[in-house]
Each structure stands twice: as structure tokens, then as C-alpha cells.
Protein backbone atom coordinates (compact mmCIF):
# COMPACT_ATOMS: atom_id res chain seq x y z
CA MET A 1 -12.15 -27.16 -8.42
CA ILE A 2 -10.20 -26.58 -5.23
CA THR A 3 -9.13 -29.59 -3.25
CA LYS A 4 -7.21 -29.77 0.00
CA ILE A 5 -4.51 -32.41 0.03
CA ASP A 6 -2.47 -33.78 2.91
CA THR A 7 1.01 -32.28 3.10
CA GLY A 8 2.35 -34.47 5.85
CA GLY A 9 2.61 -31.50 8.26
CA ILE A 10 4.88 -29.16 6.33
CA ASN A 11 5.69 -26.21 8.65
CA ASN A 12 2.14 -25.00 9.35
CA GLN A 13 1.41 -24.81 5.63
CA MET A 14 -1.57 -25.95 3.64
CA VAL A 15 -1.29 -26.93 -0.01
CA ILE A 16 -4.23 -26.29 -2.30
CA LYS A 17 -4.49 -28.20 -5.59
CA ILE A 18 -6.20 -26.23 -8.35
CA MET A 19 -7.40 -27.92 -11.53
CA VAL A 20 -8.98 -26.33 -14.60
CA ILE A 21 -12.37 -27.91 -15.31
CA LYS A 22 -13.47 -26.38 -18.63
CA ILE A 23 -11.47 -24.84 -21.45
CA ASN A 24 -13.55 -23.64 -24.42
CA GLY A 25 -16.49 -25.77 -23.30
CA ILE A 26 -14.43 -28.98 -23.24
CA LYS A 27 -13.67 -30.66 -19.94
CA LYS A 28 -9.94 -31.10 -19.56
CA ASN A 29 -7.62 -31.75 -16.67
CA SER A 30 -4.63 -29.48 -16.70
CA LEU A 31 -1.42 -29.57 -14.76
CA ALA A 32 -2.17 -28.98 -11.13
CA THR A 33 -0.82 -25.84 -9.50
CA PHE A 34 0.24 -26.00 -5.91
CA ILE A 35 -0.08 -22.95 -3.69
CA PHE A 36 1.58 -22.89 -0.30
CA ILE A 37 -0.25 -20.76 2.25
CA ASP A 38 1.72 -20.04 5.36
CA TYR A 39 -0.44 -19.85 8.48
CA ASN A 40 2.36 -18.52 10.63
CA PHE A 41 1.08 -14.94 10.95
CA LYS A 42 4.41 -13.54 12.05
CA THR A 43 5.78 -14.03 8.55
CA MET A 44 2.57 -12.91 6.84
CA VAL A 45 2.53 -9.42 8.37
CA LYS A 46 3.27 -6.90 5.63
CA LYS A 47 6.21 -4.74 6.58
CA LEU A 48 6.44 -1.17 5.39
CA PRO A 49 9.62 0.06 3.71
CA GLU A 50 12.02 1.68 6.14
CA ASP A 51 11.54 5.17 4.71
CA LYS A 52 7.77 4.99 5.20
CA GLN A 53 8.25 3.66 8.71
CA LYS A 54 10.53 6.60 9.53
CA ILE A 55 7.92 9.04 8.20
CA ILE A 56 5.23 7.44 10.38
CA GLU A 57 7.45 7.60 13.48
CA LYS A 58 8.35 11.24 12.81
CA PHE A 59 4.82 12.57 12.30
CA ALA A 60 2.82 10.26 14.62
CA GLN A 61 0.90 11.95 17.42
CA HIS A 62 1.36 8.88 19.66
CA LYS A 63 2.87 5.40 19.41
CA GLY A 64 1.13 3.29 16.76
CA ASP A 65 -0.52 6.30 15.12
CA THR A 66 -0.90 5.86 11.35
CA GLY A 67 -4.23 7.55 10.77
CA SER A 68 -3.71 11.12 11.95
CA PRO A 69 -3.85 13.78 9.23
CA GLU A 70 -0.16 14.63 9.75
CA VAL A 71 0.96 11.07 9.05
CA GLN A 72 -1.36 10.68 6.07
CA ILE A 73 -0.22 13.98 4.54
CA ALA A 74 3.45 13.13 5.09
CA LEU A 75 3.01 9.72 3.42
CA LEU A 76 1.13 11.28 0.52
CA THR A 77 3.93 13.85 0.13
CA TYR A 78 6.44 10.99 -0.01
CA LYS A 79 4.31 9.25 -2.66
CA ILE A 80 3.99 12.48 -4.67
CA ASP A 81 7.77 12.93 -4.64
CA LYS A 82 8.28 9.37 -5.91
CA LEU A 83 5.66 9.78 -8.65
CA THR A 84 7.13 13.13 -9.71
CA LYS A 85 10.59 11.58 -10.12
CA HIS A 86 9.06 8.69 -12.07
CA LEU A 87 7.19 11.06 -14.41
CA GLU A 88 10.32 13.12 -15.08
CA GLU A 89 11.88 10.00 -16.59
CA ASN A 90 8.68 8.59 -18.15
CA LYS A 91 6.95 11.59 -19.69
CA LYS A 92 4.33 9.55 -21.59
CA ASP A 93 3.11 7.55 -18.59
CA ASN A 94 -0.37 9.06 -18.38
CA HIS A 95 -1.70 6.38 -16.04
CA SER A 96 0.83 7.35 -13.38
CA ARG A 97 0.13 11.03 -14.10
CA ARG A 98 -3.55 10.46 -13.25
CA GLY A 99 -2.51 8.70 -10.02
CA LEU A 100 -0.29 11.67 -9.18
CA LEU A 101 -3.14 14.14 -9.69
CA LYS A 102 -5.47 12.04 -7.52
CA THR A 103 -2.82 11.85 -4.79
CA ILE A 104 -2.27 15.62 -4.90
CA ALA A 105 -6.02 16.22 -4.61
CA LYS A 106 -6.27 13.85 -1.64
CA ARG A 107 -3.39 15.60 0.12
CA ARG A 108 -5.04 18.98 -0.55
CA ARG A 109 -8.31 17.78 1.02
CA LEU A 110 -6.46 16.49 4.09
CA LEU A 111 -4.53 19.77 4.38
CA ASN A 112 -7.79 21.74 4.25
CA TYR A 113 -9.26 19.45 6.92
CA LEU A 114 -6.22 19.89 9.17
CA GLN A 115 -6.32 23.66 8.70
CA ARG A 116 -9.98 23.76 9.80
CA LEU A 117 -9.24 21.38 12.70
CA ASP A 118 -6.15 23.06 14.15
CA ASN A 119 -4.30 25.87 12.38
CA LYS A 120 -1.17 25.55 14.57
CA ARG A 121 -0.72 21.89 13.63
CA TYR A 122 -1.31 22.82 9.98
CA GLN A 123 1.35 25.56 10.01
CA LYS A 124 3.84 23.27 11.77
CA LEU A 125 3.26 20.47 9.26
CA ILE A 126 3.64 22.56 6.11
CA SER A 127 6.83 24.11 7.47
CA GLU A 128 8.27 20.65 8.27
CA LEU A 129 7.32 19.26 4.85
CA GLY A 130 8.35 22.41 2.97
CA LEU A 131 4.94 22.88 1.35
CA LYS A 132 3.65 26.22 0.06
CA LYS A 133 0.71 28.19 1.50
């Protein structure tokens, strides 16, 4: 059961009171949990780490570009590097290994797409990232 309660105007926040209704078929009231939701959207915007932001700025085709193949490939390359370092230390982490293989396959598909789209942009990107082929 979710109930709104009056907070007395706490900094654009709303408190939600959550109570457990049934546990093992028996109705019981548990301790209430209070969740503060901030409706000030300036603080809710997710900020990227600085290194990812630098990658986006370097490979963007225009200001605000995050979806071009160059940016996506550069970010995937960054992620692959991080996962590779992680797997060197944690050799038995097969879940991360699967994520690494999926990321590599996604980057390969994007590279093939970029090569079909514009070979000059493809050659420039792989030379900047230091990729083979």
C-alpha cells in the first residue's frame, strides 16, 4: 500500500510511506519505509563520468551528439578496455566475460555499419582508437 503523506513543504520533496500488507498469507503491518523523491530536476539529471564526457566531446560530429557511430564505438571501446582490465584480475568472472563478448560484437557491428556508410570516417576512427583492420 502506497500512501502520500504531508511533509510540510520539505524542499520540493514528496515522501511516500510504504507498508507491507501480507507476509506468508498473514496481514501484518511492518515498519514504514520513507522514500524521498526530489522533484528538482536539476539534481536528478544523471551526469556521466568525466572520462566518458571527454570521449563524447572528442568524437562528436556536432555539439550534443551522442548517437553517431563514432561516439558509440569510442564509448564501447572504453567499456571494453575497462572490462578487459577487470577480467585480468578476476579470471573466473564469467558473467562479465559474457558482457565483454556482447560489447565486442556490438562494436564490430557498428564498425561494419560505419565502413559501409563512409569508409573515410571508418579509417579515421580506427586510426584514432588504435583498432586493427
